[in-house]
Amino acid sequence: MLDEKIIAKAAKIKLVLTDVDGVLTDGSLVYGPNGEEQKIFHVRDGMGMKLLEKEGIKAGVLTGKD
């Protein structure tokens, strides 16, 4: 059972910011037919972001890449 204090703190979360490399990906790159870098994401991460949004929590992704 979750601690009521933890639930109360979690209820205050309004925004989740995350990096991409090593967080939403395993850090590897693949290259498309025109040489462009592409990253591989797991579908669970996308579903997690959708669940956050469904609960009214904004989700943002930061990266140093273009």
PDB file of N, CA and C in Angstrom:
ATOM      1  N   MET A   1       0.844  -1.179   0.000  1.00  0.00           N
ATOM      2  CA  MET A   1       0.000   0.000   0.000  1.00  0.00           C
ATOM      3  C   MET A   1       0.888   1.239   0.000  1.00  0.00           C
ATOM      4  N   LEU A   2       0.498   2.232  -0.781  1.00  0.00           N
ATOM      5  CA  LEU A   2       1.284   3.457  -0.855  1.00  0.00           C
ATOM      6  C   LEU A   2       1.067   4.326   0.374  1.00  0.00           C
ATOM      7  N   ASP A   3       2.123   4.974   0.784  1.00  0.00           N
ATOM      8  CA  ASP A   3       2.077   5.904   1.899  1.00  0.00           C
ATOM      9  C   ASP A   3       1.265   7.132   1.502  1.00  0.00           C
ATOM     10  N   GLU A   4       0.383   7.593   2.374  1.00  0.00           N
ATOM     11  CA  GLU A   4      -0.462   8.756   2.080  1.00  0.00           C
ATOM     12  C   GLU A   4       0.362  10.014   1.829  1.00  0.00           C
ATOM     13  N   LYS A   5       1.512  10.142   2.490  1.00  0.00           N
ATOM     14  CA  LYS A   5       2.372  11.309   2.266  1.00  0.00           C
ATOM     15  C   LYS A   5       2.918  11.313   0.840  1.00  0.00           C
ATOM     16  N   ILE A   6       3.284  10.147   0.347  1.00  0.00           N
ATOM     17  CA  ILE A   6       3.796  10.038  -1.023  1.00  0.00           C
ATOM     18  C   ILE A   6       2.697  10.375  -2.019  1.00  0.00           C
ATOM     19  N   ILE A   7       1.497   9.886  -1.774  1.00  0.00           N
ATOM     20  CA  ILE A   7       0.366  10.178  -2.661  1.00  0.00           C
ATOM     21  C   ILE A   7       0.090  11.673  -2.684  1.00  0.00           C
ATOM     22  N   ALA A   8       0.127  12.321  -1.535  1.00  0.00           N
ATOM     23  CA  ALA A   8      -0.121  13.766  -1.462  1.00  0.00           C
ATOM     24  C   ALA A   8       0.948  14.547  -2.215  1.00  0.00           C
ATOM     25  N   LYS A   9       2.207  14.130  -2.089  1.00  0.00           N
ATOM     26  CA  LYS A   9       3.285  14.808  -2.817  1.00  0.00           C
ATOM     27  C   LYS A   9       3.141  14.603  -4.317  1.00  0.00           C
ATOM     28  N   ALA A  10       2.829  13.387  -4.728  1.00  0.00           N
ATOM     29  CA  ALA A  10       2.687  13.079  -6.148  1.00  0.00           C
ATOM     30  C   ALA A  10       1.535  13.857  -6.771  1.00  0.00           C
ATOM     31  N   ALA A  11       0.493  14.117  -6.003  1.00  0.00           N
ATOM     32  CA  ALA A  11      -0.669  14.846  -6.513  1.00  0.00           C
ATOM     33  C   ALA A  11      -0.314  16.282  -6.894  1.00  0.00           C
ATOM     34  N   LYS A  12       0.790  16.798  -6.376  1.00  0.00           N
ATOM     35  CA  LYS A  12       1.213  18.174  -6.667  1.00  0.00           C
ATOM     36  C   LYS A  12       2.023  18.288  -7.952  1.00  0.00           C
ATOM     37  N   ILE A  13       2.411  17.173  -8.553  1.00  0.00           N
ATOM     38  CA  ILE A  13       3.231  17.199  -9.771  1.00  0.00           C
ATOM     39  C   ILE A  13       2.409  17.744 -10.929  1.00  0.00           C
ATOM     40  N   LYS A  14       2.939  18.762 -11.589  1.00  0.00           N
ATOM     41  CA  LYS A  14       2.252  19.395 -12.724  1.00  0.00           C
ATOM     42  C   LYS A  14       2.999  19.208 -14.038  1.00  0.00           C
ATOM     43  N   LEU A  15       4.303  18.914 -13.954  1.00  0.00           N
ATOM     44  CA  LEU A  15       5.135  18.843 -15.146  1.00  0.00           C
ATOM     45  C   LEU A  15       6.233  17.807 -14.947  1.00  0.00           C
ATOM     46  N   VAL A  16       6.476  17.003 -15.973  1.00  0.00           N
ATOM     47  CA  VAL A  16       7.598  16.054 -15.971  1.00  0.00           C
ATOM     48  C   VAL A  16       8.458  16.391 -17.182  1.00  0.00           C
ATOM     49  N   LEU A  17       9.720  16.735 -16.933  1.00  0.00           N
ATOM     50  CA  LEU A  17      10.685  16.987 -17.996  1.00  0.00           C
ATOM     51  C   LEU A  17      11.688  15.848 -18.020  1.00  0.00           C
ATOM     52  N   THR A  18      12.045  15.419 -19.211  1.00  0.00           N
ATOM     53  CA  THR A  18      12.999  14.326 -19.329  1.00  0.00           C
ATOM     54  C   THR A  18      13.960  14.597 -20.484  1.00  0.00           C
ATOM     55  N   ASP A  19      15.116  14.016 -20.405  1.00  0.00           N
ATOM     56  CA  ASP A  19      16.064  14.025 -21.501  1.00  0.00           C
ATOM     57  C   ASP A  19      15.682  12.872 -22.430  1.00  0.00           C
ATOM     58  N   VAL A  20      16.297  12.818 -23.583  1.00  0.00           N
ATOM     59  CA  VAL A  20      16.007  11.750 -24.527  1.00  0.00           C
ATOM     60  C   VAL A  20      17.042  10.637 -24.410  1.00  0.00           C
ATOM     61  N   ASP A  21      18.305  10.959 -24.673  1.00  0.00           N
ATOM     62  CA  ASP A  21      19.362   9.942 -24.735  1.00  0.00           C
ATOM     63  C   ASP A  21      19.604   9.288 -23.382  1.00  0.00           C
ATOM     64  N   GLY A  22      19.496   7.984 -23.364  1.00  0.00           N
ATOM     65  CA  GLY A  22      19.731   7.226 -22.148  1.00  0.00           C
ATOM     66  C   GLY A  22      18.551   7.207 -21.196  1.00  0.00           C
ATOM     67  N   VAL A  23      17.513   7.957 -21.509  1.00  0.00           N
ATOM     68  CA  VAL A  23      16.303   7.961 -20.678  1.00  0.00           C
ATOM     69  C   VAL A  23      15.157   7.349 -21.475  1.00  0.00           C
ATOM     70  N   LEU A  24      14.848   7.941 -22.615  1.00  0.00           N
ATOM     71  CA  LEU A  24      13.789   7.402 -23.475  1.00  0.00           C
ATOM     72  C   LEU A  24      14.349   6.496 -24.570  1.00  0.00           C
ATOM     73  N   THR A  25      15.661   6.471 -24.707  1.00  0.00           N
ATOM     74  CA  THR A  25      16.300   5.580 -25.668  1.00  0.00           C
ATOM     75  C   THR A  25      17.419   4.843 -24.953  1.00  0.00           C
ATOM     76  N   ASP A  26      18.003   3.877 -25.629  1.00  0.00           N
ATOM     77  CA  ASP A  26      19.167   3.194 -25.046  1.00  0.00           C
ATOM     78  C   ASP A  26      20.467   3.865 -25.475  1.00  0.00           C
ATOM     79  N   GLY A  27      20.359   5.005 -26.162  1.00  0.00           N
ATOM     80  CA  GLY A  27      21.540   5.758 -26.579  1.00  0.00           C
ATOM     81  C   GLY A  27      22.079   5.371 -27.942  1.00  0.00           C
ATOM     82  N   SER A  28      21.519   4.336 -28.544  1.00  0.00           N
ATOM     83  CA  SER A  28      22.020   3.924 -29.857  1.00  0.00           C
ATOM     84  C   SER A  28      21.351   4.745 -30.962  1.00  0.00           C
ATOM     85  N   LEU A  29      21.995   4.780 -32.106  1.00  0.00           N
ATOM     86  CA  LEU A  29      21.466   5.486 -33.267  1.00  0.00           C
ATOM     87  C   LEU A  29      21.355   4.527 -34.438  1.00  0.00           C
ATOM     88  N   VAL A  30      20.380   4.784 -35.264  1.00  0.00           N
ATOM     89  CA  VAL A  30      20.278   4.107 -36.550  1.00  0.00           C
ATOM     90  C   VAL A  30      20.238   5.201 -37.603  1.00  0.00           C
ATOM     91  N   TYR A  31      20.537   4.851 -38.831  1.00  0.00           N
ATOM     92  CA  TYR A  31      20.577   5.850 -39.891  1.00  0.00           C
ATOM     93  C   TYR A  31      19.581   5.493 -40.978  1.00  0.00           C
ATOM     94  N   GLY A  32      18.827   6.508 -41.393  1.00  0.00           N
ATOM     95  CA  GLY A  32      17.840   6.329 -42.441  1.00  0.00           C
ATOM     96  C   GLY A  32      18.494   6.221 -43.807  1.00  0.00           C
ATOM     97  N   PRO A  33      17.686   6.001 -44.831  1.00  0.00           N
ATOM     98  CA  PRO A  33      18.207   5.805 -46.189  1.00  0.00           C
ATOM     99  C   PRO A  33      18.940   7.028 -46.743  1.00  0.00           C
ATOM    100  N   ASN A  34      18.664   8.205 -46.191  1.00  0.00           N
ATOM    101  CA  ASN A  34      19.335   9.420 -46.643  1.00  0.00           C
ATOM    102  C   ASN A  34      20.449   9.852 -45.690  1.00  0.00           C
ATOM    103  N   GLY A  35      20.818   8.986 -44.748  1.00  0.00           N
ATOM    104  CA  GLY A  35      21.910   9.282 -43.820  1.00  0.00           C
ATOM    105  C   GLY A  35      21.494  10.040 -42.572  1.00  0.00           C
ATOM    106  N   GLU A  36      20.193  10.302 -42.398  1.00  0.00           N
ATOM    107  CA  GLU A  36      19.746  11.044 -41.223  1.00  0.00           C
ATOM    108  C   GLU A  36      19.759  10.148 -39.982  1.00  0.00           C
ATOM    109  N   GLU A  37      20.137  10.757 -38.857  1.00  0.00           N
ATOM    110  CA  GLU A  37      20.146  10.025 -37.591  1.00  0.00           C
ATOM    111  C   GLU A  37      18.714   9.807 -37.124  1.00  0.00           C
ATOM    112  N   GLN A  38      18.439   8.611 -36.639  1.00  0.00           N
ATOM    113  CA  GLN A  38      17.136   8.299 -36.078  1.00  0.00           C
ATOM    114  C   GLN A  38      17.347   7.585 -34.756  1.00  0.00           C
ATOM    115  N   LYS A  39      16.472   7.829 -33.834  1.00  0.00           N
ATOM    116  CA  LYS A  39      16.553   7.173 -32.532  1.00  0.00           C
ATOM    117  C   LYS A  39      15.411   6.181 -32.412  1.00  0.00           C
ATOM    118  N   ILE A  40      15.636   5.160 -31.633  1.00  0.00           N
ATOM    119  CA  ILE A  40      14.626   4.138 -31.419  1.00  0.00           C
ATOM    120  C   ILE A  40      14.023   4.345 -30.031  1.00  0.00           C
ATOM    121  N   PHE A  41      12.706   4.452 -29.990  1.00  0.00           N
ATOM    122  CA  PHE A  41      11.996   4.650 -28.729  1.00  0.00           C
ATOM    123  C   PHE A  41      11.136   3.427 -28.436  1.00  0.00           C
ATOM    124  N   HIS A  42      10.945   3.158 -27.161  1.00  0.00           N
ATOM    125  CA  HIS A  42      10.080   2.055 -26.769  1.00  0.00           C
ATOM    126  C   HIS A  42       8.650   2.573 -26.661  1.00  0.00           C
ATOM    127  N   VAL A  43       7.708   1.821 -27.145  1.00  0.00           N
ATOM    128  CA  VAL A  43       6.307   2.232 -27.132  1.00  0.00           C
ATOM    129  C   VAL A  43       5.809   2.490 -25.705  1.00  0.00           C
ATOM    130  N   ARG A  44       6.373   1.816 -24.729  1.00  0.00           N
ATOM    131  CA  ARG A  44       5.952   2.033 -23.334  1.00  0.00           C
ATOM    132  C   ARG A  44       6.225   3.463 -22.876  1.00  0.00           C
ATOM    133  N   ASP A  45       7.324   4.048 -23.336  1.00  0.00           N
ATOM    134  CA  ASP A  45       7.629   5.422 -22.950  1.00  0.00           C
ATOM    135  C   ASP A  45       6.582   6.383 -23.496  1.00  0.00           C
ATOM    136  N   GLY A  46       6.175   6.156 -24.732  1.00  0.00           N
ATOM    137  CA  GLY A  46       5.128   6.993 -25.317  1.00  0.00           C
ATOM    138  C   GLY A  46       3.808   6.833 -24.588  1.00  0.00           C
ATOM    139  N   MET A  47       3.487   5.623 -24.210  1.00  0.00           N
ATOM    140  CA  MET A  47       2.253   5.386 -23.458  1.00  0.00           C
ATOM    141  C   MET A  47       2.325   6.047 -22.086  1.00  0.00           C
ATOM    142  N   GLY A  48       3.501   6.017 -21.476  1.00  0.00           N
ATOM    143  CA  GLY A  48       3.676   6.683 -20.184  1.00  0.00           C
ATOM    144  C   GLY A  48       3.415   8.174 -20.280  1.00  0.00           C
ATOM    145  N   MET A  49       3.878   8.786 -21.363  1.00  0.00           N
ATOM    146  CA  MET A  49       3.634  10.218 -21.551  1.00  0.00           C
ATOM    147  C   MET A  49       2.150  10.491 -21.780  1.00  0.00           C
ATOM    148  N   LYS A  50       1.493   9.619 -22.508  1.00  0.00           N
ATOM    149  CA  LYS A  50       0.052   9.775 -22.722  1.00  0.00           C
ATOM    150  C   LYS A  50      -0.705   9.642 -21.401  1.00  0.00           C
ATOM    151  N   LEU A  51      -0.279   8.718 -20.541  1.00  0.00           N
ATOM    152  CA  LEU A  51      -0.928   8.560 -19.241  1.00  0.00           C
ATOM    153  C   LEU A  51      -0.728   9.796 -18.369  1.00  0.00           C
ATOM    154  N   LEU A  52       0.469  10.392 -18.424  1.00  0.00           N
ATOM    155  CA  LEU A  52       0.702  11.636 -17.691  1.00  0.00           C
ATOM    156  C   LEU A  52      -0.257  12.720 -18.162  1.00  0.00           C
ATOM    157  N   GLU A  53      -0.348  12.889 -19.483  1.00  0.00           N
ATOM    158  CA  GLU A  53      -1.235  13.907 -20.041  1.00  0.00           C
ATOM    159  C   GLU A  53      -2.691  13.645 -19.664  1.00  0.00           C
ATOM    160  N   LYS A  54      -3.084  12.392 -19.667  1.00  0.00           N
ATOM    161  CA  LYS A  54      -4.456  12.025 -19.302  1.00  0.00           C
ATOM    162  C   LYS A  54      -4.775  12.460 -17.876  1.00  0.00           C
ATOM    163  N   GLU A  55      -3.760  12.440 -17.011  1.00  0.00           N
ATOM    164  CA  GLU A  55      -3.926  12.847 -15.614  1.00  0.00           C
ATOM    165  C   GLU A  55      -3.720  14.346 -15.406  1.00  0.00           C
ATOM    166  N   GLY A  56      -3.546  15.077 -16.511  1.00  0.00           N
ATOM    167  CA  GLY A  56      -3.383  16.528 -16.411  1.00  0.00           C
ATOM    168  C   GLY A  56      -1.965  16.973 -16.115  1.00  0.00           C
ATOM    169  N   ILE A  57      -1.004  16.077 -16.275  1.00  0.00           N
ATOM    170  CA  ILE A  57       0.397  16.404 -16.038  1.00  0.00           C
ATOM    171  C   ILE A  57       1.066  16.629 -17.394  1.00  0.00           C
ATOM    172  N   LYS A  58       1.656  17.802 -17.566  1.00  0.00           N
ATOM    173  CA  LYS A  58       2.336  18.094 -18.817  1.00  0.00           C
ATOM    174  C   LYS A  58       3.649  17.332 -18.870  1.00  0.00           C
ATOM    175  N   ALA A  59       4.023  16.908 -20.072  1.00  0.00           N
ATOM    176  CA  ALA A  59       5.267  16.177 -20.269  1.00  0.00           C
ATOM    177  C   ALA A  59       6.098  16.916 -21.300  1.00  0.00           C
ATOM    178  N   GLY A  60       7.382  17.095 -21.025  1.00  0.00           N
ATOM    179  CA  GLY A  60       8.280  17.757 -21.949  1.00  0.00           C
ATOM    180  C   GLY A  60       9.544  16.944 -22.148  1.00  0.00           C
ATOM    181  N   VAL A  61      10.097  17.045 -23.349  1.00  0.00           N
ATOM    182  CA  VAL A  61      11.315  16.329 -23.685  1.00  0.00           C
ATOM    183  C   VAL A  61      12.373  17.342 -24.091  1.00  0.00           C
ATOM    184  N   LEU A  62      13.533  17.268 -23.460  1.00  0.00           N
ATOM    185  CA  LEU A  62      14.657  18.144 -23.774  1.00  0.00           C
ATOM    186  C   LEU A  62      15.753  17.331 -24.422  1.00  0.00           C
ATOM    187  N   THR A  63      16.461  17.936 -25.371  1.00  0.00           N
ATOM    188  CA  THR A  63      17.585  17.268 -25.985  1.00  0.00           C
ATOM    189  C   THR A  63      18.578  18.311 -26.487  1.00  0.00           C
ATOM    190  N   GLY A  64      19.815  17.915 -26.613  1.00  0.00           N
ATOM    191  CA  GLY A  64      20.835  18.792 -27.142  1.00  0.00           C
ATOM    192  C   GLY A  64      20.952  18.695 -28.651  1.00  0.00           C
ATOM    193  N   LYS A  65      20.242  17.747 -29.226  1.00  0.00           N
ATOM    194  CA  LYS A  65      20.290  17.543 -30.684  1.00  0.00           C
ATOM    195  C   LYS A  65      19.264  18.427 -31.369  1.00  0.00           C
ATOM    196  N   ASP A  66      19.475  18.652 -32.674  1.00  0.00           N
ATOM    197  CA  ASP A  66      18.485  19.401 -33.439  1.00  0.00           C
ATOM    198  C   ASP A  66      17.256  18.561 -33.688  1.00  0.00           C
TER     199      ASP A  66
END
